[in-house]
C-alpha cells in the first residue's frame, strides 16, 4: 500500500490538445493502456498515468512539443524504457510523456576520437552491438537495458564504474531542448575545455527537470586484450566487504567487483538456474593484457584468502562470463521470486570505501528484524550498495517499516560523509534527504537553477528539487 504524493493535476487545455493533434496526429495517444504503461516504472509507487503520450521522431518534433507545453504550461516528462527505481518518470502533475523509442539512431561513430553520438532512445546494448566492429565498447551497464538518454538524465552507473566511471565521466557533450524551445549544445567533443560553465555536467543527472535531451555524445573504450571473471565465497558479509576495501587500497586496477549476500545468491541460483555456493560472495572481473590480468588476479586472491575467502572459481570463456553477469544484472528480478506477489522497495547509498563494511554491516543487522525478505547487492568497489526489500503491496505497516529502514540507511550514509544515492538518483523517493546531505543553501541554489531554466515548471515537475522552499 505504497503512497504517492499526488500533486494538483494541470489538465490539458483544449487548445493544447488541438495543437498536439495537429502536429503529431496519431502519435498523440490518449488510450488508457498506453498511458498506464508510461505511468509505471520499477519503483514501489502505484500507476500514475499521464494525460497523453507523444512519440517524437526527431529534434524538431521535440522542439514543437516543448513549445506547446510551455505556451499552455503543460508538464512534460521524458521516458526511455521506464526502468528507473525512484519514481523519476511518474507524471505526478499530469501533462504529457515524451517516449523516445523512435529516436533510436546511432548518429556518428568517431572511432579515432573514442566518441559516439546517439539519439536518446538508443539502448546501451544496441550501442555496443553497433560499435563492436570498431574494437571499441561503451562500459556503463546499469542492470536494466536502459536508454542512453535515461542513463544520462539519472547519472547512471553500474558494475564497470570502479574502473571506467559513471555517466558523469563518460558524457562528452549533448544537445538539449530548453523551455523556450531552443536547442543548445552543452560543449564540443574536445577532450578537455576551460571555456564557460560546465553545462554538460549540469544536465547529467538533472532527471529531466531542466530540459529535454535529444542527442548525447559518449566516450567509448578499446575492448581489452584479456578478460576473465572469478567468484569467491566468504564466511561472512563483513569478511567479503573487508576484502574489497583492501583490494581497492592496494591499487589493483580491477574492472568490476560486485557483492551479493546469501539471500541474493539464493535468489540468483533459483532465477538463473545457477549452482553458486550460497554464502556471501564477490564477483570479480579483470581487464588488460594477459600478464596484467594474471598479476591482478594473484594479488586479489591473496587478499581474499587472508579474509577467509574460499577457492576462486574462474570463468574464462565469454559465454560463462556472460551467464554470470547476466545473472548479476537480473538480481532485482530474481529477488522478487523470494516472495511471489510482493512489491520491491529498492534503495541505494554510497559511502567512502573506508566506511563501507561498517555501513553494510549495520544495515544488515537492522534488516534481520524485519518481517519481510530482503537482499543486499553492491558495486562495492566504489562504496555503493543496494538494498531490496520485498513488501506486501497491501500492507501499510510493511511499507512504513521499509521507509524507516530507508531513512536510517540514508542518514547513516550521510553521517559517514556519503550520499543518499550512488546511482538510483533522486526522483520522488529521495527528495526529502537532499537538505540533510547538501544543506539548505545548496538546495536553494539548485532551486534557483530550476526556476531560471524552467520558469513555468513544465519539465518533470515535482522531482529532484521542490519548486517552493
Protein backbone atom coordinates (compact mmCIF):
# COMPACT_ATOMS: atom_id res chain seq x y z
CA UNK A 1 0.00 0.00 0.00
CA UNK A 2 2.60 2.47 -1.10
CA UNK A 3 1.82 6.16 -1.01
CA UNK A 4 2.27 8.65 -3.85
CA UNK A 5 2.11 12.35 -3.10
CA UNK A 6 -0.24 13.18 -5.97
CA UNK A 7 0.07 16.83 -6.89
CA UNK A 8 -2.66 19.02 -8.34
CA UNK A 9 -3.12 17.81 -11.92
CA UNK A 10 -2.70 20.52 -14.54
CA UNK A 11 -5.33 19.49 -17.04
CA UNK A 12 -4.61 19.74 -20.74
CA UNK A 13 -6.38 22.79 -22.18
CA UNK A 14 -8.48 22.10 -25.27
CA UNK A 15 -6.28 24.47 -27.26
CA UNK A 16 -3.19 22.45 -26.29
CA UNK A 17 -4.88 19.18 -27.25
CA UNK A 18 -5.77 20.64 -30.64
CA UNK A 19 -2.19 21.85 -31.15
CA UNK A 20 -0.75 18.44 -30.24
CA UNK A 21 -3.17 16.60 -32.53
CA UNK A 22 -2.45 18.95 -35.40
CA UNK A 23 1.31 18.45 -35.04
CA UNK A 24 1.54 14.76 -34.13
CA UNK A 25 -1.63 13.15 -35.48
CA UNK A 26 -1.94 9.51 -34.41
CA UNK A 27 1.32 9.75 -32.40
CA UNK A 28 -0.57 11.84 -29.82
CA UNK A 29 -2.06 8.92 -27.88
CA UNK A 30 -4.64 9.09 -25.10
CA UNK A 31 -5.60 5.41 -24.74
CA UNK A 32 -5.51 4.24 -21.12
CA UNK A 33 -3.31 1.19 -21.83
CA UNK A 34 -0.54 3.36 -23.33
CA UNK A 35 -0.92 5.99 -20.62
CA UNK A 36 -0.71 3.42 -17.81
CA UNK A 37 2.44 1.91 -19.31
CA UNK A 38 4.05 5.36 -19.20
CA UNK A 39 2.86 5.96 -15.65
CA UNK A 40 4.79 2.94 -14.36
CA UNK A 41 8.43 2.31 -13.51
CA UNK A 42 10.31 -0.09 -11.22
CA UNK A 43 9.62 2.00 -8.12
CA UNK A 44 7.12 0.87 -5.45
CA UNK A 45 4.67 3.65 -6.34
CA UNK A 46 1.25 2.97 -7.87
CA UNK A 47 0.46 3.63 -11.53
CA UNK A 48 0.31 7.35 -12.29
CA UNK A 49 -0.63 7.80 -15.98
CA UNK A 50 -0.01 10.97 -17.98
CA UNK A 51 -2.91 12.53 -19.86
CA UNK A 52 -1.32 11.71 -23.21
CA UNK A 53 1.82 10.19 -24.74
CA UNK A 54 3.74 11.51 -27.76
CA UNK A 55 6.33 9.54 -29.76
CA UNK A 56 8.66 12.14 -31.36
CA UNK A 57 10.86 11.09 -34.29
CA UNK A 58 13.39 13.92 -34.40
CA UNK A 59 14.64 17.01 -32.61
CA UNK A 60 12.27 19.35 -34.46
CA UNK A 61 9.28 17.41 -33.14
CA UNK A 62 10.63 17.61 -29.58
CA UNK A 63 11.06 21.36 -30.01
CA UNK A 64 7.47 21.74 -31.19
CA UNK A 65 6.13 19.62 -28.32
CA UNK A 66 8.06 21.64 -25.74
CA UNK A 67 6.90 24.95 -27.23
CA UNK A 68 3.25 23.86 -26.94
CA UNK A 69 3.83 22.66 -23.38
CA UNK A 70 5.49 25.91 -22.37
CA UNK A 71 2.80 28.03 -24.02
CA UNK A 72 0.00 26.26 -22.16
CA UNK A 73 2.03 25.40 -19.01
CA UNK A 74 1.62 21.64 -19.59
CA UNK A 75 4.01 19.33 -17.71
CA UNK A 76 6.24 17.18 -19.92
CA UNK A 77 8.10 14.06 -18.76
CA UNK A 78 10.77 12.30 -20.88
CA UNK A 79 10.54 8.50 -20.98
CA UNK A 80 13.19 5.97 -22.03
CA UNK A 81 12.18 2.43 -21.10
CA UNK A 82 10.78 3.05 -17.61
CA UNK A 83 13.45 1.16 -15.65
CA UNK A 84 14.05 3.86 -13.03
CA UNK A 85 13.68 2.92 -9.37
CA UNK A 86 12.77 6.16 -7.58
CA UNK A 87 9.66 7.36 -9.43
CA UNK A 88 11.54 9.51 -11.96
CA UNK A 89 9.10 9.11 -14.86
CA UNK A 90 5.80 9.25 -12.99
CA UNK A 91 3.83 12.32 -14.19
CA UNK A 92 2.56 13.32 -10.76
CA UNK A 93 1.21 16.65 -12.05
CA UNK A 94 -0.34 15.20 -15.19
CA UNK A 95 0.61 16.52 -18.62
CA UNK A 96 2.25 14.56 -21.41
CA UNK A 97 5.00 11.97 -21.65
CA UNK A 98 7.55 12.07 -24.48
CA UNK A 99 8.51 8.49 -25.36
CA UNK A 100 11.88 8.39 -27.18
CA UNK A 101 11.54 4.87 -28.58
CA UNK A 102 11.56 6.17 -32.17
CA UNK A 103 14.62 8.40 -31.65
CA UNK A 104 16.99 5.45 -31.54
CA UNK A 105 19.72 6.05 -34.13
CA UNK A 106 23.49 5.99 -33.73
CA UNK A 107 24.35 9.28 -35.45
CA UNK A 108 28.16 9.26 -35.60
CA UNK A 109 30.99 6.90 -34.69
CA UNK A 110 34.27 8.77 -34.29
CA UNK A 111 36.49 5.81 -33.51
CA UNK A 112 39.71 7.83 -33.77
CA UNK A 113 38.46 10.17 -31.06
CA UNK A 114 36.85 7.42 -28.95
CA UNK A 115 33.41 9.06 -29.07
CA UNK A 116 29.99 8.05 -30.37
CA UNK A 117 26.97 10.34 -30.81
CA UNK A 118 23.48 8.89 -30.41
CA UNK A 119 19.84 9.85 -30.10
CA UNK A 120 18.42 9.47 -26.58
CA UNK A 121 16.36 6.35 -27.34
CA UNK A 122 19.40 4.20 -28.20
CA UNK A 123 19.66 1.27 -25.76
CA UNK A 124 23.06 0.61 -24.22
CA UNK A 125 23.20 -2.96 -25.60
CA UNK A 126 22.25 -1.65 -29.05
CA UNK A 127 25.10 0.85 -28.88
CA UNK A 128 27.64 -1.85 -28.14
CA UNK A 129 26.27 -4.05 -30.92
CA UNK A 130 26.67 -1.20 -33.43
CA UNK A 131 30.26 -0.33 -32.48
CA UNK A 132 31.62 -3.84 -31.90
CA UNK A 133 33.25 -3.89 -35.35
CA UNK A 134 35.43 -0.93 -34.36
CA UNK A 135 37.06 -2.78 -31.46
CA UNK A 136 35.51 -0.29 -29.01
CA UNK A 137 32.84 -0.63 -26.33
CA UNK A 138 30.69 1.52 -24.07
CA UNK A 139 31.23 0.39 -20.46
CA UNK A 140 28.35 1.83 -18.42
CA UNK A 141 25.97 -1.01 -17.60
CA UNK A 142 23.11 -0.44 -15.17
CA UNK A 143 21.13 -3.63 -14.60
CA UNK A 144 18.34 -2.76 -17.00
CA UNK A 145 18.65 -2.43 -20.78
CA UNK A 146 18.42 1.30 -20.25
CA UNK A 147 18.40 4.02 -22.88
CA UNK A 148 21.36 6.40 -23.21
CA UNK A 149 19.07 9.39 -22.66
CA UNK A 150 17.69 7.92 -19.46
CA UNK A 151 21.15 6.93 -18.25
CA UNK A 152 22.37 10.48 -18.86
CA UNK A 153 19.38 12.01 -17.08
CA UNK A 154 19.87 9.87 -13.98
CA UNK A 155 23.69 9.91 -13.98
CA UNK A 156 23.62 6.12 -14.20
CA UNK A 157 26.41 3.83 -13.18
CA UNK A 158 26.83 0.05 -12.99
CA UNK A 159 29.26 -2.77 -12.45
CA UNK A 160 32.10 -1.21 -14.51
CA UNK A 161 32.12 2.12 -12.67
CA UNK A 162 35.04 1.19 -10.43
CA UNK A 163 37.33 1.30 -13.49
CA UNK A 164 35.53 3.32 -16.16
CA UNK A 165 33.49 5.78 -14.09
CA UNK A 166 29.82 6.72 -14.33
CA UNK A 167 27.81 8.69 -16.90
CA UNK A 168 29.22 11.85 -15.30
CA UNK A 169 32.70 10.95 -16.55
CA UNK A 170 31.57 9.45 -19.87
CA UNK A 171 29.18 12.02 -21.35
CA UNK A 172 31.26 14.34 -23.55
CA UNK A 173 28.51 16.60 -24.87
CA UNK A 174 24.79 16.73 -25.55
CA UNK A 175 22.06 18.68 -27.28
CA UNK A 176 19.17 19.83 -25.10
CA UNK A 177 15.83 21.47 -25.84
CA UNK A 178 15.20 24.34 -23.42
CA UNK A 179 11.84 25.52 -22.09
CA UNK A 180 11.74 28.20 -24.80
CA UNK A 181 12.11 25.53 -27.46
CA UNK A 182 15.71 26.39 -28.29
CA UNK A 183 18.32 23.71 -28.98
CA UNK A 184 21.63 24.20 -27.17
CA UNK A 185 24.84 22.21 -27.36
CA UNK A 186 26.47 21.91 -23.96
CA UNK A 187 30.08 21.53 -25.20
CA UNK A 188 32.26 20.41 -28.08
CA UNK A 189 33.86 16.99 -28.49
CA UNK A 190 37.26 18.26 -27.35
CA UNK A 191 38.92 16.08 -24.74
CA UNK A 192 39.04 18.98 -22.29
CA UNK A 193 37.90 22.60 -22.09
CA UNK A 194 38.25 25.64 -19.83
CA UNK A 195 35.52 27.55 -21.67
CA UNK A 196 32.49 28.77 -19.74
CA UNK A 197 30.23 26.98 -17.27
CA UNK A 198 30.19 23.18 -17.45
CA UNK A 199 26.65 22.81 -18.82
CA UNK A 200 27.23 19.15 -19.68
CA UNK A 201 27.69 18.22 -16.02
CA UNK A 202 24.69 20.33 -15.07
CA UNK A 203 22.36 18.34 -17.32
CA UNK A 204 23.89 14.93 -16.48
CA UNK A 205 21.80 13.78 -13.53
CA UNK A 206 19.17 16.53 -13.85
CA UNK A 207 16.46 13.87 -14.27
CA UNK A 208 14.55 15.74 -16.98
CA UNK A 209 13.90 18.77 -14.75
CA UNK A 210 15.95 21.34 -16.70
CA UNK A 211 15.47 20.41 -20.36
CA UNK A 212 14.90 17.54 -22.79
CA UNK A 213 17.99 15.69 -24.02
CA UNK A 214 17.81 14.97 -27.77
CA UNK A 215 21.41 13.94 -28.54
CA UNK A 216 24.28 12.55 -26.48
CA UNK A 217 27.97 12.12 -27.28
CA UNK A 218 29.61 9.48 -25.08
CA UNK A 219 33.14 8.26 -24.54
CA UNK A 220 33.99 4.70 -25.65
CA UNK A 221 36.99 2.49 -24.91
CA UNK A 222 39.14 -0.16 -26.62
CA UNK A 223 38.00 -3.69 -25.92
CA UNK A 224 40.56 -5.23 -23.53
CA UNK A 225 43.05 -7.79 -24.79
CA UNK A 226 42.22 -10.24 -22.00
CA UNK A 227 39.14 -10.57 -19.79
CA UNK A 228 38.50 -13.08 -17.06
CA UNK A 229 35.93 -13.33 -14.25
CA UNK A 230 36.03 -15.10 -10.92
CA UNK A 231 33.76 -15.85 -7.98
CA UNK A 232 34.97 -16.10 -4.39
CA UNK A 233 32.76 -17.07 -1.44
CA UNK A 234 33.26 -15.79 2.09
CA UNK A 235 32.12 -16.97 5.52
CA UNK A 236 30.58 -13.63 6.46
CA UNK A 237 29.30 -10.45 4.91
CA UNK A 238 31.92 -8.44 6.78
CA UNK A 239 34.86 -10.51 5.52
CA UNK A 240 33.74 -10.11 1.92
CA UNK A 241 33.38 -6.34 2.20
CA UNK A 242 36.68 -6.01 4.08
CA UNK A 243 38.38 -7.80 1.18
CA UNK A 244 37.01 -5.19 -1.24
CA UNK A 245 38.35 -2.36 0.92
CA UNK A 246 41.83 -3.90 0.99
CA UNK A 247 41.77 -4.65 -2.75
CA UNK A 248 40.91 -1.04 -3.58
CA UNK A 249 43.50 0.29 -1.15
CA UNK A 250 46.14 -1.95 -2.75
CA UNK A 251 45.77 -0.07 -6.04
CA UNK A 252 44.75 -3.08 -8.15
CA UNK A 253 43.10 -1.77 -11.34
CA UNK A 254 40.20 -4.19 -11.14
CA UNK A 255 37.41 -3.74 -13.71
CA UNK A 256 34.47 -4.97 -11.64
CA UNK A 257 33.92 -6.20 -8.11
CA UNK A 258 30.36 -6.99 -7.08
CA UNK A 259 28.94 -8.19 -3.78
CA UNK A 260 25.92 -10.41 -3.14
CA UNK A 261 24.68 -11.50 0.27
CA UNK A 262 23.44 -15.04 0.92
CA UNK A 263 19.81 -14.24 0.11
CA UNK A 264 20.75 -12.61 -3.17
CA UNK A 265 22.86 -15.63 -4.15
CA UNK A 266 19.97 -17.96 -3.32
CA UNK A 267 17.59 -15.89 -5.43
CA UNK A 268 20.00 -15.73 -8.37
CA UNK A 269 20.51 -19.50 -8.27
CA UNK A 270 16.77 -20.11 -8.45
CA UNK A 271 16.05 -17.47 -11.10
CA UNK A 272 19.05 -18.03 -13.40
CA UNK A 273 19.46 -21.80 -12.82
CA UNK A 274 22.95 -21.47 -11.34
CA UNK A 275 24.65 -23.53 -8.62
CA UNK A 276 26.63 -20.85 -6.79
CA UNK A 277 27.58 -21.66 -3.21
CA UNK A 278 25.03 -19.86 -1.02
CA UNK A 279 27.22 -17.70 1.17
CA UNK A 280 28.22 -14.04 0.76
CA UNK A 281 30.30 -13.76 -2.40
CA UNK A 282 32.31 -11.40 -4.52
CA UNK A 283 32.18 -11.48 -8.31
CA UNK A 284 35.32 -10.08 -9.96
CA UNK A 285 36.30 -9.19 -13.49
CA UNK A 286 39.80 -8.34 -14.68
CA UNK A 287 40.64 -6.41 -17.89
CA UNK A 288 44.01 -5.83 -19.52
CA UNK A 289 46.89 -7.72 -21.05
CA UNK A 290 47.35 -11.43 -20.39
CA UNK A 291 50.19 -10.66 -17.99
CA UNK A 292 48.36 -7.79 -16.29
CA UNK A 293 45.21 -9.83 -15.72
CA UNK A 294 47.23 -12.67 -14.20
CA UNK A 295 49.08 -10.31 -11.85
CA UNK A 296 45.84 -8.61 -10.75
CA UNK A 297 44.21 -11.96 -10.07
CA UNK A 298 47.13 -13.17 -7.94
CA UNK A 299 47.03 -10.08 -5.70
CA UNK A 300 43.25 -10.29 -5.29
CA UNK A 301 43.39 -13.99 -4.43
CA UNK A 302 45.92 -13.35 -1.67
CA UNK A 303 43.85 -10.56 -0.13
CA UNK A 304 40.68 -12.66 -0.29
CA UNK A 305 42.44 -15.65 1.28
CA UNK A 306 43.64 -13.50 4.20
CA UNK A 307 39.99 -12.59 4.87
CA UNK A 308 38.67 -16.15 4.79
CA UNK A 309 37.86 -16.26 1.09
CA UNK A 310 37.35 -19.73 -0.32
CA UNK A 311 38.74 -21.11 -3.57
CA UNK A 312 38.24 -18.93 -6.63
CA UNK A 313 36.02 -20.27 -9.39
CA UNK A 314 37.13 -18.90 -12.77
CA UNK A 315 35.06 -18.04 -15.84
CA UNK A 316 37.42 -17.51 -18.76
CA UNK A 317 35.07 -18.28 -21.63
CA UNK A 318 32.89 -15.40 -22.91
CA UNK A 319 29.71 -17.46 -22.59
CA UNK A 320 30.47 -18.31 -18.95
CA UNK A 321 31.20 -14.68 -18.09
CA UNK A 322 28.03 -13.56 -19.84
CA UNK A 323 25.98 -16.07 -17.86
CA UNK A 324 27.39 -14.81 -14.55
CA UNK A 325 26.98 -11.13 -15.31
CA UNK A 326 23.50 -11.62 -16.75
CA UNK A 327 22.56 -13.32 -13.51
CA UNK A 328 24.01 -10.40 -11.50
CA UNK A 329 22.18 -7.84 -13.65
CA UNK A 330 18.94 -9.76 -13.12
CA UNK A 331 19.31 -9.75 -9.34
CA UNK A 332 16.46 -7.22 -8.99
CA UNK A 333 14.06 -9.57 -10.77
CA UNK A 334 15.43 -12.70 -9.12
CA UNK A 335 14.89 -11.09 -5.73
CA UNK A 336 11.18 -10.72 -6.48
CA UNK A 337 10.93 -14.52 -6.60
CA UNK A 338 11.77 -14.73 -2.90
CA UNK A 339 8.23 -13.53 -2.20
CA UNK A 340 5.85 -14.02 -5.13
CA UNK A 341 3.33 -11.21 -5.42
CA UNK A 342 5.48 -8.80 -3.43
CA UNK A 343 6.44 -5.26 -4.35
CA UNK A 344 10.12 -4.35 -4.42
CA UNK A 345 11.29 -1.31 -2.49
CA UNK A 346 14.85 -0.74 -3.68
CA UNK A 347 17.23 1.82 -2.27
CA UNK A 348 20.94 2.55 -2.51
CA UNK A 349 23.60 4.64 -0.83
CA UNK A 350 27.28 5.26 -1.43
CA UNK A 351 29.93 5.88 1.24
CA UNK A 352 33.69 6.36 1.31
CA UNK A 353 35.29 2.95 0.84
CA UNK A 354 36.79 3.05 4.36
CA UNK A 355 33.28 3.13 5.90
CA UNK A 356 31.72 0.53 3.63
CA UNK A 357 31.98 -2.53 5.89
CA UNK A 358 30.53 -0.63 8.83
CA UNK A 359 27.62 0.75 6.78
CA UNK A 360 26.73 -2.60 5.19
CA UNK A 361 27.00 -4.50 8.48
CA UNK A 362 24.79 -2.09 10.46
CA UNK A 363 22.20 -2.13 7.69
CA UNK A 364 22.11 -5.93 7.58
CA UNK A 365 21.63 -6.08 11.35
CA UNK A 366 18.60 -3.80 11.12
CA UNK A 367 17.09 -5.77 8.26
CA UNK A 368 17.32 -9.02 10.23
CA UNK A 369 14.46 -7.88 12.48
CA UNK A 370 12.11 -7.07 9.59
CA UNK A 371 9.15 -9.38 8.74
CA UNK A 372 9.83 -9.27 5.00
CA UNK A 373 12.63 -10.79 2.87
CA UNK A 374 15.48 -8.61 1.64
CA UNK A 375 18.69 -8.81 -0.38
CA UNK A 376 21.87 -6.75 -0.38
CA UNK A 377 23.97 -6.40 -3.52
CA UNK A 378 26.50 -3.79 -4.43
CA UNK A 379 29.02 -2.23 -6.75
CA UNK A 380 31.18 -2.24 -3.67
CA UNK A 381 34.39 -1.31 -5.47
CA UNK A 382 33.22 2.31 -5.33
CA UNK A 383 31.41 2.12 -1.98
CA UNK A 384 27.91 1.73 -3.47
CA UNK A 385 25.43 -0.92 -2.36
CA UNK A 386 21.73 -1.64 -2.84
CA UNK A 387 19.04 -2.97 -0.55
CA UNK A 388 15.95 -4.64 -1.98
CA UNK A 389 13.02 -5.05 0.44
CA UNK A 390 10.13 -7.27 -0.66
CA UNK A 391 6.96 -5.99 0.95
CA UNK A 392 3.31 -6.95 0.82
CA UNK A 393 1.79 -4.34 -1.56
CA UNK A 394 -1.39 -4.29 0.56
CA UNK A 395 0.36 -3.75 3.90
CA UNK A 396 0.75 -0.16 5.02
CA UNK A 397 2.69 -1.45 8.03
CA UNK A 398 5.36 -3.10 5.88
CA UNK A 399 5.62 -0.01 3.66
CA UNK A 400 6.20 2.14 6.75
CA UNK A 401 8.84 -0.32 8.01
CA UNK A 402 10.67 -0.26 4.69
CA UNK A 403 10.60 3.54 4.64
CA UNK A 404 12.03 3.67 8.16
CA UNK A 405 14.84 1.34 7.09
CA UNK A 406 15.48 3.58 4.09
CA UNK A 407 15.60 6.75 6.23
CA UNK A 408 18.01 5.21 8.73
CA UNK A 409 20.21 3.85 5.94
CA UNK A 410 20.42 7.24 4.23
CA UNK A 411 21.12 9.08 7.48
CA UNK A 412 23.82 6.53 8.31
CA UNK A 413 25.46 7.04 4.90
CA UNK A 414 25.33 10.85 5.17
CA UNK A 415 26.88 10.71 8.67
CA UNK A 416 29.70 8.72 7.10
CA UNK A 417 30.22 11.51 4.55
CA UNK A 418 28.36 9.55 1.90
CA UNK A 419 25.33 10.23 -0.27
CA UNK A 420 21.63 9.31 -0.28
CA UNK A 421 22.03 7.66 -3.68
CA UNK A 422 25.06 6.39 -5.54
CA UNK A 423 23.21 5.69 -8.77
CA UNK A 424 19.43 5.31 -8.44
CA UNK A 425 19.01 9.07 -8.41
CA UNK A 426 16.54 11.23 -6.50
CA UNK A 427 13.23 11.16 -8.37
CA UNK A 428 10.45 11.34 -5.80
CA UNK A 429 11.71 8.85 -3.24
CA UNK A 430 14.96 10.57 -2.18
CA UNK A 431 13.88 14.24 -2.32
CA UNK A 432 13.44 14.57 1.43
CA UNK A 433 17.12 13.77 2.03
CA UNK A 434 18.69 16.49 -0.11
CA UNK A 435 18.62 19.11 2.63
CA UNK A 436 20.32 16.74 5.09
CA UNK A 437 23.02 15.89 2.56
CA UNK A 438 23.65 19.24 0.86
CA UNK A 439 22.37 21.87 3.29
CA UNK A 440 19.66 24.48 2.77
CA UNK A 441 21.88 27.00 0.98
CA UNK A 442 22.98 24.48 -1.66
CA UNK A 443 19.41 23.26 -2.05
CA UNK A 444 18.22 26.83 -2.59
CA UNK A 445 20.85 27.29 -5.30
CA UNK A 446 19.55 24.16 -7.05
CA UNK A 447 16.04 25.60 -6.81
CA UNK A 448 17.19 28.89 -8.35
CA UNK A 449 18.72 26.99 -11.26
CA UNK A 450 15.43 25.15 -11.80
CA UNK A 451 13.48 28.43 -11.78
CA UNK A 452 15.89 30.04 -14.24
CA UNK A 453 15.94 27.15 -16.71
CA UNK A 454 12.26 26.26 -16.41
CA UNK A 455 10.24 29.33 -15.31
CA UNK A 456 6.85 27.68 -15.96
CA UNK A 457 7.84 24.46 -14.17
CA UNK A 458 6.96 22.21 -17.11
CA UNK A 459 9.96 19.85 -17.06
CA UNK A 460 9.21 16.77 -14.92
CA UNK A 461 7.71 18.84 -12.09
CA UNK A 462 7.72 17.51 -8.53
CA UNK A 463 11.00 15.64 -8.93
CA UNK A 464 14.56 16.09 -7.64
CA UNK A 465 14.16 19.61 -6.21
CA UNK A 466 10.89 21.04 -4.90
CA UNK A 467 9.62 24.15 -6.68
CA UNK A 468 8.94 26.00 -3.44
CA UNK A 469 11.22 26.22 -0.40
